[in-house]
Amino acid sequence: MNINLYPYNRYILLAAFVVLLLTLIMTAVHLVRFGKVLNARMAELEKISVQAEALQKRLEPKKEKKKLPELKTVLPLLLLAHSIYKDYREAEGSGLEQVRRSAVKVTEKRLVSDHLKSQIAKIR
């Protein structure tokens, strides 16, 4: 069976082009809408990533070099330990109990002298 559609070939071709053109226009419209939604989502994702980076920096432990204690904090402790050692040597007893007594005696003496220094500073 041979069907001849010769008089209608142009109309069929024209209808195919119209359908193709409508399909392309609908696809372009959907792509434009999708692009707008995608841009909005990308902006939100960018904000979230910036916040996540800031949170990560806050939560990460600081990776700095461990600094040696400053001389201001170590020197008084060394002087206190030396004073306790000197008082221990001069004491009659020995052992852990004598070390405790010497430490209490020296720290009380230091506290009294620090308190007196602060009182004198207030007077001046």
PDB file of N, CA and C in Angstrom:
ATOM      1  N   MET A   1       0.813  -1.172   0.000  1.00  0.00           N
ATOM      2  CA  MET A   1       0.000   0.000   0.000  1.00  0.00           C
ATOM      3  C   MET A   1       0.856   1.234   0.000  1.00  0.00           C
ATOM      4  N   ASN A   2       0.661   1.947  -0.955  1.00  0.00           N
ATOM      5  CA  ASN A   2       1.427   3.156  -1.138  1.00  0.00           C
ATOM      6  C   ASN A   2       0.487   4.344  -0.978  1.00  0.00           C
ATOM      7  N   ILE A   3       0.695   5.138   0.093  1.00  0.00           N
ATOM      8  CA  ILE A   3      -0.160   6.290   0.347  1.00  0.00           C
ATOM      9  C   ILE A   3       0.597   7.520  -0.123  1.00  0.00           C
ATOM     10  N   ASN A   4      -0.082   8.303  -0.882  1.00  0.00           N
ATOM     11  CA  ASN A   4       0.507   9.511  -1.413  1.00  0.00           C
ATOM     12  C   ASN A   4      -0.070  10.704  -0.662  1.00  0.00           C
ATOM     13  N   LEU A   5       0.800  11.430   0.078  1.00  0.00           N
ATOM     14  CA  LEU A   5       0.370  12.610   0.824  1.00  0.00           C
ATOM     15  C   LEU A   5       0.956  13.883   0.216  1.00  0.00           C
ATOM     16  N   TYR A   6       1.197  13.844  -1.069  1.00  0.00           N
ATOM     17  CA  TYR A   6       1.864  14.958  -1.732  1.00  0.00           C
ATOM     18  C   TYR A   6       1.212  16.312  -1.485  1.00  0.00           C
ATOM     19  N   PRO A   7      -0.069  16.494  -1.575  1.00  0.00           N
ATOM     20  CA  PRO A   7      -0.592  17.843  -1.387  1.00  0.00           C
ATOM     21  C   PRO A   7      -0.456  18.339   0.055  1.00  0.00           C
ATOM     22  N   TYR A   8      -0.244  17.410   1.011  1.00  0.00           N
ATOM     23  CA  TYR A   8      -0.192  17.812   2.415  1.00  0.00           C
ATOM     24  C   TYR A   8       1.227  17.838   3.006  1.00  0.00           C
ATOM     25  N   ASN A   9       2.239  17.558   2.223  1.00  0.00           N
ATOM     26  CA  ASN A   9       3.619  17.491   2.729  1.00  0.00           C
ATOM     27  C   ASN A   9       4.071  18.804   3.373  1.00  0.00           C
ATOM     28  N   ARG A  10       3.751  19.898   2.744  1.00  0.00           N
ATOM     29  CA  ARG A  10       4.185  21.182   3.306  1.00  0.00           C
ATOM     30  C   ARG A  10       3.487  21.477   4.630  1.00  0.00           C
ATOM     31  N   TYR A  11       2.208  21.134   4.733  1.00  0.00           N
ATOM     32  CA  TYR A  11       1.473  21.383   5.970  1.00  0.00           C
ATOM     33  C   TYR A  11       2.008  20.512   7.115  1.00  0.00           C
ATOM     34  N   ILE A  12       2.338  19.309   6.794  1.00  0.00           N
ATOM     35  CA  ILE A  12       2.896  18.400   7.802  1.00  0.00           C
ATOM     36  C   ILE A  12       4.260  18.913   8.260  1.00  0.00           C
ATOM     37  N   LEU A  13       5.091  19.338   7.317  1.00  0.00           N
ATOM     38  CA  LEU A  13       6.402  19.895   7.655  1.00  0.00           C
ATOM     39  C   LEU A  13       6.254  21.161   8.495  1.00  0.00           C
ATOM     40  N   LEU A  14       5.326  22.019   8.125  1.00  0.00           N
ATOM     41  CA  LEU A  14       5.084  23.251   8.873  1.00  0.00           C
ATOM     42  C   LEU A  14       4.594  22.924  10.294  1.00  0.00           C
ATOM     43  N   ALA A  15       3.695  21.974  10.423  1.00  0.00           N
ATOM     44  CA  ALA A  15       3.199  21.580  11.749  1.00  0.00           C
ATOM     45  C   ALA A  15       4.344  21.010  12.594  1.00  0.00           C
ATOM     46  N   ALA A  16       5.250  20.235  11.999  1.00  0.00           N
ATOM     47  CA  ALA A  16       6.390  19.673  12.725  1.00  0.00           C
ATOM     48  C   ALA A  16       7.306  20.796  13.220  1.00  0.00           C
ATOM     49  N   PHE A  17       7.540  21.795  12.384  1.00  0.00           N
ATOM     50  CA  PHE A  17       8.371  22.929  12.812  1.00  0.00           C
ATOM     51  C   PHE A  17       7.702  23.712  13.941  1.00  0.00           C
ATOM     52  N   VAL A  18       6.393  23.894  13.876  1.00  0.00           N
ATOM     53  CA  VAL A  18       5.669  24.608  14.925  1.00  0.00           C
ATOM     54  C   VAL A  18       5.771  23.836  16.244  1.00  0.00           C
ATOM     55  N   VAL A  19       5.575  22.512  16.180  1.00  0.00           N
ATOM     56  CA  VAL A  19       5.685  21.699  17.396  1.00  0.00           C
ATOM     57  C   VAL A  19       7.108  21.765  17.945  1.00  0.00           C
ATOM     58  N   LEU A  20       8.094  21.692  17.064  1.00  0.00           N
ATOM     59  CA  LEU A  20       9.491  21.805  17.494  1.00  0.00           C
ATOM     60  C   LEU A  20       9.766  23.162  18.114  1.00  0.00           C
ATOM     61  N   LEU A  21       9.266  24.235  17.519  1.00  0.00           N
ATOM     62  CA  LEU A  21       9.470  25.578  18.038  1.00  0.00           C
ATOM     63  C   LEU A  21       8.792  25.735  19.411  1.00  0.00           C
ATOM     64  N   LEU A  22       7.583  25.236  19.571  1.00  0.00           N
ATOM     65  CA  LEU A  22       6.894  25.307  20.857  1.00  0.00           C
ATOM     66  C   LEU A  22       7.656  24.515  21.923  1.00  0.00           C
ATOM     67  N   THR A  23       8.169  23.368  21.547  1.00  0.00           N
ATOM     68  CA  THR A  23       8.944  22.559  22.497  1.00  0.00           C
ATOM     69  C   THR A  23      10.211  23.285  22.923  1.00  0.00           C
ATOM     70  N   LEU A  24      10.893  23.921  21.973  1.00  0.00           N
ATOM     71  CA  LEU A  24      12.106  24.676  22.311  1.00  0.00           C
ATOM     72  C   LEU A  24      11.794  25.866  23.194  1.00  0.00           C
ATOM     73  N   ILE A  25      10.699  26.570  22.932  1.00  0.00           N
ATOM     74  CA  ILE A  25      10.321  27.726  23.748  1.00  0.00           C
ATOM     75  C   ILE A  25       9.982  27.278  25.168  1.00  0.00           C
ATOM     76  N   MET A  26       9.222  26.200  25.316  1.00  0.00           N
ATOM     77  CA  MET A  26       8.867  25.702  26.644  1.00  0.00           C
ATOM     78  C   MET A  26      10.120  25.252  27.403  1.00  0.00           C
ATOM     79  N   THR A  27      11.041  24.605  26.698  1.00  0.00           N
ATOM     80  CA  THR A  27      12.290  24.176  27.341  1.00  0.00           C
ATOM     81  C   THR A  27      13.097  25.381  27.804  1.00  0.00           C
ATOM     82  N   ALA A  28      13.165  26.421  26.977  1.00  0.00           N
ATOM     83  CA  ALA A  28      13.915  27.628  27.347  1.00  0.00           C
ATOM     84  C   ALA A  28      13.288  28.306  28.565  1.00  0.00           C
ATOM     85  N   VAL A  29      11.965  28.365  28.615  1.00  0.00           N
ATOM     86  CA  VAL A  29      11.282  28.987  29.752  1.00  0.00           C
ATOM     87  C   VAL A  29      11.585  28.205  31.026  1.00  0.00           C
ATOM     88  N   HIS A  30      11.496  26.887  30.945  1.00  0.00           N
ATOM     89  CA  HIS A  30      11.802  26.075  32.125  1.00  0.00           C
ATOM     90  C   HIS A  30      13.257  26.212  32.551  1.00  0.00           C
ATOM     91  N   LEU A  31      14.184  26.304  31.599  1.00  0.00           N
ATOM     92  CA  LEU A  31      15.598  26.479  31.938  1.00  0.00           C
ATOM     93  C   LEU A  31      15.848  27.835  32.601  1.00  0.00           C
ATOM     94  N   VAL A  32      15.158  28.879  32.144  1.00  0.00           N
ATOM     95  CA  VAL A  32      15.321  30.195  32.761  1.00  0.00           C
ATOM     96  C   VAL A  32      14.805  30.166  34.197  1.00  0.00           C
ATOM     97  N   ARG A  33      13.642  29.552  34.420  1.00  0.00           N
ATOM     98  CA  ARG A  33      13.118  29.443  35.782  1.00  0.00           C
ATOM     99  C   ARG A  33      14.064  28.627  36.663  1.00  0.00           C
ATOM    100  N   PHE A  34      14.566  27.539  36.114  1.00  0.00           N
ATOM    101  CA  PHE A  34      15.500  26.700  36.868  1.00  0.00           C
ATOM    102  C   PHE A  34      16.776  27.467  37.196  1.00  0.00           C
ATOM    103  N   GLY A  35      17.252  28.298  36.258  1.00  0.00           N
ATOM    104  CA  GLY A  35      18.442  29.119  36.509  1.00  0.00           C
ATOM    105  C   GLY A  35      18.218  30.114  37.630  1.00  0.00           C
ATOM    106  N   LYS A  36      17.025  30.727  37.676  1.00  0.00           N
ATOM    107  CA  LYS A  36      16.721  31.666  38.759  1.00  0.00           C
ATOM    108  C   LYS A  36      16.688  30.960  40.104  1.00  0.00           C
ATOM    109  N   VAL A  37      16.048  29.811  40.155  1.00  0.00           N
ATOM    110  CA  VAL A  37      15.986  29.040  41.399  1.00  0.00           C
ATOM    111  C   VAL A  37      17.387  28.596  41.801  1.00  0.00           C
ATOM    112  N   LEU A  38      18.169  28.175  40.826  1.00  0.00           N
ATOM    113  CA  LEU A  38      19.534  27.725  41.104  1.00  0.00           C
ATOM    114  C   LEU A  38      20.399  28.872  41.643  1.00  0.00           C
ATOM    115  N   ASN A  39      20.260  30.056  41.086  1.00  0.00           N
ATOM    116  CA  ASN A  39      21.021  31.205  41.593  1.00  0.00           C
ATOM    117  C   ASN A  39      20.627  31.548  43.026  1.00  0.00           C
ATOM    118  N   ALA A  40      19.329  31.488  43.324  1.00  0.00           N
ATOM    119  CA  ALA A  40      18.884  31.767  44.687  1.00  0.00           C
ATOM    120  C   ALA A  40      19.445  30.727  45.651  1.00  0.00           C
ATOM    121  N   ARG A  41      19.408  29.467  45.246  1.00  0.00           N
ATOM    122  CA  ARG A  41      19.931  28.398  46.102  1.00  0.00           C
ATOM    123  C   ARG A  41      21.443  28.517  46.270  1.00  0.00           C
ATOM    124  N   MET A  42      22.142  28.905  45.213  1.00  0.00           N
ATOM    125  CA  MET A  42      23.598  29.062  45.309  1.00  0.00           C
ATOM    126  C   MET A  42      23.954  30.177  46.280  1.00  0.00           C
ATOM    127  N   ALA A  43      23.177  31.261  46.281  1.00  0.00           N
ATOM    128  CA  ALA A  43      23.430  32.349  47.232  1.00  0.00           C
ATOM    129  C   ALA A  43      23.217  31.850  48.658  1.00  0.00           C
ATOM    130  N   GLU A  44      22.157  31.064  48.882  1.00  0.00           N
ATOM    131  CA  GLU A  44      21.917  30.513  50.207  1.00  0.00           C
ATOM    132  C   GLU A  44      23.034  29.552  50.607  1.00  0.00           C
ATOM    133  N   LEU A  45      23.462  28.728  49.669  1.00  0.00           N
ATOM    134  CA  LEU A  45      24.557  27.795  49.955  1.00  0.00           C
ATOM    135  C   LEU A  45      25.857  28.529  50.261  1.00  0.00           C
ATOM    136  N   GLU A  46      26.075  29.629  49.586  1.00  0.00           N
ATOM    137  CA  GLU A  46      27.273  30.432  49.849  1.00  0.00           C
ATOM    138  C   GLU A  46      27.252  30.985  51.278  1.00  0.00           C
ATOM    139  N   LYS A  47      26.087  31.503  51.694  1.00  0.00           N
ATOM    140  CA  LYS A  47      25.955  32.008  53.063  1.00  0.00           C
ATOM    141  C   LYS A  47      26.187  30.895  54.073  1.00  0.00           C
ATOM    142  N   ILE A  48      25.607  29.734  53.800  1.00  0.00           N
ATOM    143  CA  ILE A  48      25.760  28.606  54.717  1.00  0.00           C
ATOM    144  C   ILE A  48      27.207  28.166  54.782  1.00  0.00           C
ATOM    145  N   SER A  49      27.906  28.148  53.646  1.00  0.00           N
ATOM    146  CA  SER A  49      29.310  27.724  53.651  1.00  0.00           C
ATOM    147  C   SER A  49      30.185  28.722  54.407  1.00  0.00           C
ATOM    148  N   VAL A  50      29.896  30.015  54.287  1.00  0.00           N
ATOM    149  CA  VAL A  50      30.651  31.020  55.038  1.00  0.00           C
ATOM    150  C   VAL A  50      30.422  30.832  56.536  1.00  0.00           C
ATOM    151  N   GLN A  51      29.173  30.591  56.917  1.00  0.00           N
ATOM    152  CA  GLN A  51      28.877  30.361  58.327  1.00  0.00           C
ATOM    153  C   GLN A  51      29.539  29.087  58.825  1.00  0.00           C
ATOM    154  N   ALA A  52      29.561  28.051  57.985  1.00  0.00           N
ATOM    155  CA  ALA A  52      30.192  26.793  58.381  1.00  0.00           C
ATOM    156  C   ALA A  52      31.694  26.968  58.559  1.00  0.00           C
ATOM    157  N   GLU A  53      32.320  27.741  57.672  1.00  0.00           N
ATOM    158  CA  GLU A  53      33.759  28.000  57.803  1.00  0.00           C
ATOM    159  C   GLU A  53      34.056  28.768  59.086  1.00  0.00           C
ATOM    160  N   ALA A  54      33.231  29.757  59.390  1.00  0.00           N
ATOM    161  CA  ALA A  54      33.431  30.529  60.621  1.00  0.00           C
ATOM    162  C   ALA A  54      33.265  29.636  61.843  1.00  0.00           C
ATOM    163  N   LEU A  55      32.268  28.776  61.811  1.00  0.00           N
ATOM    164  CA  LEU A  55      32.053  27.857  62.928  1.00  0.00           C
ATOM    165  C   LEU A  55      33.197  26.867  63.049  1.00  0.00           C
ATOM    166  N   GLN A  56      33.698  26.396  61.899  1.00  0.00           N
ATOM    167  CA  GLN A  56      34.822  25.458  61.920  1.00  0.00           C
ATOM    168  C   GLN A  56      36.066  26.114  62.504  1.00  0.00           C
ATOM    169  N   LYS A  57      36.308  27.369  62.151  1.00  0.00           N
ATOM    170  CA  LYS A  57      37.465  28.083  62.696  1.00  0.00           C
ATOM    171  C   LYS A  57      37.334  28.275  64.197  1.00  0.00           C
ATOM    172  N   ARG A  58      36.095  28.552  64.658  1.00  0.00           N
ATOM    173  CA  ARG A  58      35.889  28.723  66.086  1.00  0.00           C
ATOM    174  C   ARG A  58      36.057  27.417  66.844  1.00  0.00           C
ATOM    175  N   LEU A  59      35.632  26.318  66.242  1.00  0.00           N
ATOM    176  CA  LEU A  59      35.678  25.040  66.930  1.00  0.00           C
ATOM    177  C   LEU A  59      37.046  24.378  66.874  1.00  0.00           C
ATOM    178  N   GLU A  60      37.822  24.699  65.850  1.00  0.00           N
ATOM    179  CA  GLU A  60      39.157  24.101  65.750  1.00  0.00           C
ATOM    180  C   GLU A  60      40.038  24.606  66.883  1.00  0.00           C
ATOM    181  N   PRO A  61      40.784  23.709  67.481  1.00  0.00           N
ATOM    182  CA  PRO A  61      41.729  24.198  68.494  1.00  0.00           C
ATOM    183  C   PRO A  61      42.813  25.014  67.813  1.00  0.00           C
ATOM    184  N   LYS A  62      43.197  26.025  68.479  1.00  0.00           N
ATOM    185  CA  LYS A  62      44.240  26.888  67.928  1.00  0.00           C
ATOM    186  C   LYS A  62      45.534  26.091  67.816  1.00  0.00           C
ATOM    187  N   LYS A  63      46.068  26.066  66.620  1.00  0.00           N
ATOM    188  CA  LYS A  63      47.309  25.331  66.398  1.00  0.00           C
ATOM    189  C   LYS A  63      48.473  26.323  66.424  1.00  0.00           C
ATOM    190  N   GLU A  64      48.785  26.727  67.597  1.00  0.00           N
ATOM    191  CA  GLU A  64      49.896  27.649  67.777  1.00  0.00           C
ATOM    192  C   GLU A  64      51.029  26.906  68.456  1.00  0.00           C
ATOM    193  N   LYS A  65      52.176  27.479  68.345  1.00  0.00           N
ATOM    194  CA  LYS A  65      53.313  26.895  69.044  1.00  0.00           C
ATOM    195  C   LYS A  65      53.093  27.069  70.538  1.00  0.00           C
ATOM    196  N   LYS A  66      53.449  26.031  71.251  1.00  0.00           N
ATOM    197  CA  LYS A  66      53.322  26.147  72.701  1.00  0.00           C
ATOM    198  C   LYS A  66      54.437  27.058  73.194  1.00  0.00           C
ATOM    199  N   LYS A  67      54.004  28.131  73.790  1.00  0.00           N
ATOM    200  CA  LYS A  67      54.976  29.100  74.281  1.00  0.00           C
ATOM    201  C   LYS A  67      55.448  28.682  75.666  1.00  0.00           C
ATOM    202  N   LEU A  68      56.670  28.996  75.933  1.00  0.00           N
ATOM    203  CA  LEU A  68      57.175  28.763  77.278  1.00  0.00           C
ATOM    204  C   LEU A  68      56.522  29.781  78.210  1.00  0.00           C
ATOM    205  N   PRO A  69      56.312  29.401  79.450  1.00  0.00           N
ATOM    206  CA  PRO A  69      55.707  30.369  80.369  1.00  0.00           C
ATOM    207  C   PRO A  69      56.568  31.629  80.461  1.00  0.00           C
ATOM    208  N   GLU A  70      55.903  32.728  80.585  1.00  0.00           N
ATOM    209  CA  GLU A  70      56.630  33.988  80.663  1.00  0.00           C
ATOM    210  C   GLU A  70      57.401  34.069  81.977  1.00  0.00           C
ATOM    211  N   LEU A  71      58.451  34.836  81.942  1.00  0.00           N
ATOM    212  CA  LEU A  71      59.307  34.981  83.117  1.00  0.00           C
ATOM    213  C   LEU A  71      58.542  35.606  84.275  1.00  0.00           C
ATOM    214  N   LYS A  72      57.558  36.454  83.961  1.00  0.00           N
ATOM    215  CA  LYS A  72      56.780  37.105  85.016  1.00  0.00           C
ATOM    216  C   LYS A  72      56.025  36.085  85.862  1.00  0.00           C
ATOM    217  N   THR A  73      55.574  34.998  85.238  1.00  0.00           N
ATOM    218  CA  THR A  73      54.807  34.001  85.993  1.00  0.00           C
ATOM    219  C   THR A  73      55.699  32.948  86.625  1.00  0.00           C
ATOM    220  N   VAL A  74      56.837  32.646  86.012  1.00  0.00           N
ATOM    221  CA  VAL A  74      57.701  31.578  86.510  1.00  0.00           C
ATOM    222  C   VAL A  74      58.610  32.062  87.630  1.00  0.00           C
ATOM    223  N   LEU A  75      59.100  33.272  87.529  1.00  0.00           N
ATOM    224  CA  LEU A  75      60.065  33.777  88.501  1.00  0.00           C
ATOM    225  C   LEU A  75      59.524  33.798  89.933  1.00  0.00           C
ATOM    226  N   PRO A  76      58.332  34.309  90.181  1.00  0.00           N
ATOM    227  CA  PRO A  76      57.833  34.265  91.567  1.00  0.00           C
ATOM    228  C   PRO A  76      57.694  32.841  92.096  1.00  0.00           C
ATOM    229  N   LEU A  77      57.297  31.914  91.244  1.00  0.00           N
ATOM    230  CA  LEU A  77      57.168  30.531  91.690  1.00  0.00           C
ATOM    231  C   LEU A  77      58.529  29.927  92.028  1.00  0.00           C
ATOM    232  N   LEU A  78      59.525  30.261  91.209  1.00  0.00           N
ATOM    233  CA  LEU A  78      60.873  29.767  91.508  1.00  0.00           C
ATOM    234  C   LEU A  78      61.404  30.362  92.812  1.00  0.00           C
ATOM    235  N   LEU A  79      61.160  31.636  93.005  1.00  0.00           N
ATOM    236  CA  LEU A  79      61.603  32.272  94.251  1.00  0.00           C
ATOM    237  C   LEU A  79      60.887  31.677  95.461  1.00  0.00           C
ATOM    238  N   LEU A  80      59.598  31.388  95.310  1.00  0.00           N
ATOM    239  CA  LEU A  80      58.842  30.763  96.395  1.00  0.00           C
ATOM    240  C   LEU A  80      59.383  29.369  96.698  1.00  0.00           C
ATOM    241  N   ALA A  81      59.678  28.592  95.664  1.00  0.00           N
ATOM    242  CA  ALA A  81      60.221  27.250  95.865  1.00  0.00           C
ATOM    243  C   ALA A  81      61.591  27.324  96.534  1.00  0.00           C
ATOM    244  N   HIS A  82      62.402  28.287  96.147  1.00  0.00           N
ATOM    245  CA  HIS A  82      63.717  28.443  96.756  1.00  0.00           C
ATOM    246  C   HIS A  82      63.586  28.829  98.237  1.00  0.00           C
ATOM    247  N   SER A  83      62.634  29.722  98.526  1.00  0.00           N
ATOM    248  CA  SER A  83      62.415  30.119  99.920  1.00  0.00           C
ATOM    249  C   SER A  83      61.954  28.934 100.761  1.00  0.00           C
ATOM    250  N   ILE A  84      61.080  28.120 100.216  1.00  0.00           N
ATOM    251  CA  ILE A  84      60.613  26.921 100.930  1.00  0.00           C
ATOM    252  C   ILE A  84      61.779  25.970 101.163  1.00  0.00           C
ATOM    253  N   TYR A  85      62.634  25.796 100.160  1.00  0.00           N
ATOM    254  CA  TYR A  85      63.792  24.909 100.286  1.00  0.00           C
ATOM    255  C   TYR A  85      64.745  25.421 101.381  1.00  0.00           C
ATOM    256  N   LYS A  86      65.008  26.747 101.386  1.00  0.00           N
ATOM    257  CA  LYS A  86      65.890  27.312 102.408  1.00  0.00           C
ATOM    258  C   LYS A  86      65.303  27.119 103.800  1.00  0.00           C
ATOM    259  N   ASP A  87      63.998  27.363 103.958  1.00  0.00           N
ATOM    260  CA  ASP A  87      63.358  27.185 105.254  1.00  0.00           C
ATOM    261  C   ASP A  87      63.379  25.711 105.668  1.00  0.00           C
ATOM    262  N   TYR A  88      63.243  24.806 104.753  1.00  0.00           N
ATOM    263  CA  TYR A  88      63.285  23.370 105.042  1.00  0.00           C
ATOM    264  C   TYR A  88      64.668  22.951 105.534  1.00  0.00           C
ATOM    265  N   ARG A  89      65.719  23.492 104.883  1.00  0.00           N
ATOM    266  CA  ARG A  89      67.089  23.160 105.297  1.00  0.00           C
ATOM    267  C   ARG A  89      67.386  23.650 106.707  1.00  0.00           C
ATOM    268  N   GLU A  90      66.862  24.847 107.051  1.00  0.00           N
ATOM    269  CA  GLU A  90      67.145  25.437 108.346  1.00  0.00           C
ATOM    270  C   GLU A  90      66.289  24.834 109.466  1.00  0.00           C
ATOM    271  N   ALA A  91      65.248  24.107 109.122  1.00  0.00           N
ATOM    272  CA  ALA A  91      64.346  23.545 110.131  1.00  0.00           C
ATOM    273  C   ALA A  91      64.981  22.333 110.799  1.00  0.00           C
ATOM    274  N   GLU A  92      64.437  22.015 111.971  1.00  0.00           N
ATOM    275  CA  GLU A  92      64.978  20.889 112.739  1.00  0.00           C
ATOM    276  C   GLU A  92      64.503  19.547 112.178  1.00  0.00           C
ATOM    277  N   GLY A  93      63.264  19.450 111.774  1.00  0.00           N
ATOM    278  CA  GLY A  93      62.712  18.172 111.313  1.00  0.00           C
ATOM    279  C   GLY A  93      63.061  17.911 109.850  1.00  0.00           C
ATOM    280  N   SER A  94      62.578  16.764 109.374  1.00  0.00           N
ATOM    281  CA  SER A  94      62.777  16.419 107.976  1.00  0.00           C
ATOM    282  C   SER A  94      61.567  15.611 107.513  1.00  0.00           C
ATOM    283  N   GLY A  95      61.485  15.387 106.248  1.00  0.00           N
ATOM    284  CA  GLY A  95      60.388  14.599 105.697  1.00  0.00           C
ATOM    285  C   GLY A  95      59.315  15.472 105.082  1.00  0.00           C
ATOM    286  N   LEU A  96      58.273  14.798 104.655  1.00  0.00           N
ATOM    287  CA  LEU A  96      57.195  15.465 103.948  1.00  0.00           C
ATOM    288  C   LEU A  96      56.422  16.442 104.843  1.00  0.00           C
ATOM    289  N   GLU A  97      56.268  16.083 106.096  1.00  0.00           N
ATOM    290  CA  GLU A  97      55.551  16.964 107.028  1.00  0.00           C
ATOM    291  C   GLU A  97      56.300  18.281 107.223  1.00  0.00           C
ATOM    292  N   GLN A  98      57.609  18.213 107.283  1.00  0.00           N
ATOM    293  CA  GLN A  98      58.406  19.431 107.436  1.00  0.00           C
ATOM    294  C   GLN A  98      58.344  20.285 106.178  1.00  0.00           C
ATOM    295  N   VAL A  99      58.308  19.648 105.018  1.00  0.00           N
ATOM    296  CA  VAL A  99      58.164  20.412 103.769  1.00  0.00           C
ATOM    297  C   VAL A  99      56.838  21.156 103.774  1.00  0.00           C
ATOM    298  N   ARG A 100      55.765  20.497 104.211  1.00  0.00           N
ATOM    299  CA  ARG A 100      54.461  21.139 104.285  1.00  0.00           C
ATOM    300  C   ARG A 100      54.485  22.316 105.250  1.00  0.00           C
ATOM    301  N   ARG A 101      55.093  22.110 106.428  1.00  0.00           N
ATOM    302  CA  ARG A 101      55.183  23.203 107.400  1.00  0.00           C
ATOM    303  C   ARG A 101      55.975  24.381 106.831  1.00  0.00           C
ATOM    304  N   SER A 102      57.097  24.081 106.181  1.00  0.00           N
ATOM    305  CA  SER A 102      57.914  25.156 105.586  1.00  0.00           C
ATOM    306  C   SER A 102      57.128  25.904 104.519  1.00  0.00           C
ATOM    307  N   ALA A 103      56.364  25.184 103.697  1.00  0.00           N
ATOM    308  CA  ALA A 103      55.581  25.826 102.641  1.00  0.00           C
ATOM    309  C   ALA A 103      54.522  26.742 103.245  1.00  0.00           C
ATOM    310  N   VAL A 104      53.849  26.270 104.274  1.00  0.00           N
ATOM    311  CA  VAL A 104      52.823  27.089 104.925  1.00  0.00           C
ATOM    312  C   VAL A 104      53.444  28.334 105.538  1.00  0.00           C
ATOM    313  N   LYS A 105      54.574  28.154 106.216  1.00  0.00           N
ATOM    314  CA  LYS A 105      55.251  29.271 106.883  1.00  0.00           C
ATOM    315  C   LYS A 105      55.687  30.332 105.869  1.00  0.00           C
ATOM    316  N   VAL A 106      56.320  29.887 104.781  1.00  0.00           N
ATOM    317  CA  VAL A 106      56.831  30.836 103.777  1.00  0.00           C
ATOM    318  C   VAL A 106      55.684  31.541 103.066  1.00  0.00           C
ATOM    319  N   THR A 107      54.633  30.798 102.694  1.00  0.00           N
ATOM    320  CA  THR A 107      53.519  31.443 101.991  1.00  0.00           C
ATOM    321  C   THR A 107      52.784  32.425 102.888  1.00  0.00           C
ATOM    322  N   GLU A 108      52.637  32.101 104.175  1.00  0.00           N
ATOM    323  CA  GLU A 108      52.015  33.064 105.091  1.00  0.00           C
ATOM    324  C   GLU A 108      52.852  34.322 105.199  1.00  0.00           C
ATOM    325  N   LYS A 109      54.168  34.145 105.260  1.00  0.00           N
ATOM    326  CA  LYS A 109      55.054  35.304 105.349  1.00  0.00           C
ATOM    327  C   LYS A 109      54.935  36.153 104.076  1.00  0.00           C
ATOM    328  N   ARG A 110      54.870  35.481 102.926  1.00  0.00           N
ATOM    329  CA  ARG A 110      54.729  36.208 101.655  1.00  0.00           C
ATOM    330  C   ARG A 110      53.405  36.945 101.578  1.00  0.00           C
ATOM    331  N   LEU A 111      52.328  36.274 102.005  1.00  0.00           N
ATOM    332  CA  LEU A 111      51.014  36.916 101.964  1.00  0.00           C
ATOM    333  C   LEU A 111      50.977  38.149 102.848  1.00  0.00           C
ATOM    334  N   VAL A 112      51.594  38.060 104.021  1.00  0.00           N
ATOM    335  CA  VAL A 112      51.638  39.215 104.917  1.00  0.00           C
ATOM    336  C   VAL A 112      52.423  40.340 104.266  1.00  0.00           C
ATOM    337  N   SER A 113      53.571  40.015 103.659  1.00  0.00           N
ATOM    338  CA  SER A 113      54.381  41.073 103.045  1.00  0.00           C
ATOM    339  C   SER A 113      53.660  41.663 101.827  1.00  0.00           C
ATOM    340  N   ASP A 114      52.962  40.825 101.037  1.00  0.00           N
ATOM    341  CA  ASP A 114      52.202  41.347  99.901  1.00  0.00           C
ATOM    342  C   ASP A 114      51.057  42.236 100.371  1.00  0.00           C
ATOM    343  N   HIS A 115      50.416  41.833 101.456  1.00  0.00           N
ATOM    344  CA  HIS A 115      49.323  42.631 102.006  1.00  0.00           C
ATOM    345  C   HIS A 115      49.844  43.977 102.507  1.00  0.00           C
ATOM    346  N   LEU A 116      50.999  43.966 103.152  1.00  0.00           N
ATOM    347  CA  LEU A 116      51.581  45.207 103.632  1.00  0.00           C
ATOM    348  C   LEU A 116      51.976  46.116 102.465  1.00  0.00           C
ATOM    349  N   LYS A 117      52.528  45.508 101.414  1.00  0.00           N
ATOM    350  CA  LYS A 117      52.885  46.313 100.239  1.00  0.00           C
ATOM    351  C   LYS A 117      51.665  46.963  99.624  1.00  0.00           C
ATOM    352  N   SER A 118      50.570  46.217  99.549  1.00  0.00           N
ATOM    353  CA  SER A 118      49.347  46.792  98.968  1.00  0.00           C
ATOM    354  C   SER A 118      48.798  47.903  99.858  1.00  0.00           C
ATOM    355  N   GLN A 119      48.901  47.742 101.186  1.00  0.00           N
ATOM    356  CA  GLN A 119      48.414  48.777 102.105  1.00  0.00           C
ATOM    357  C   GLN A 119      49.263  50.040 101.971  1.00  0.00           C
ATOM    358  N   ILE A 120      50.577  49.873 101.864  1.00  0.00           N
ATOM    359  CA  ILE A 120      51.474  51.032 101.710  1.00  0.00           C
ATOM    360  C   ILE A 120      51.185  51.738 100.382  1.00  0.00           C
ATOM    361  N   ALA A 121      50.934  50.940  99.330  1.00  0.00           N
ATOM    362  CA  ALA A 121      50.624  51.546  98.036  1.00  0.00           C
ATOM    363  C   ALA A 121      49.327  52.345  98.090  1.00  0.00           C
ATOM    364  N   LYS A 122      48.351  51.888  98.846  1.00  0.00           N
ATOM    365  CA  LYS A 122      47.102  52.625  98.989  1.00  0.00           C
ATOM    366  C   LYS A 122      47.307  53.946  99.720  1.00  0.00           C
ATOM    367  N   ILE A 123      48.202  53.960 100.723  1.00  0.00           N
ATOM    368  CA  ILE A 123      48.466  55.166 101.497  1.00  0.00           C
ATOM    369  C   ILE A 123      49.144  56.212 100.630  1.00  0.00           C
ATOM    370  N   ARG A 124      50.061  55.815  99.802  1.00  0.00           N
ATOM    371  CA  ARG A 124      50.791  56.771  98.945  1.00  0.00           C
ATOM    372  C   ARG A 124      49.867  57.257  97.906  1.00  0.00           C
TER     373      ARG A 124
END
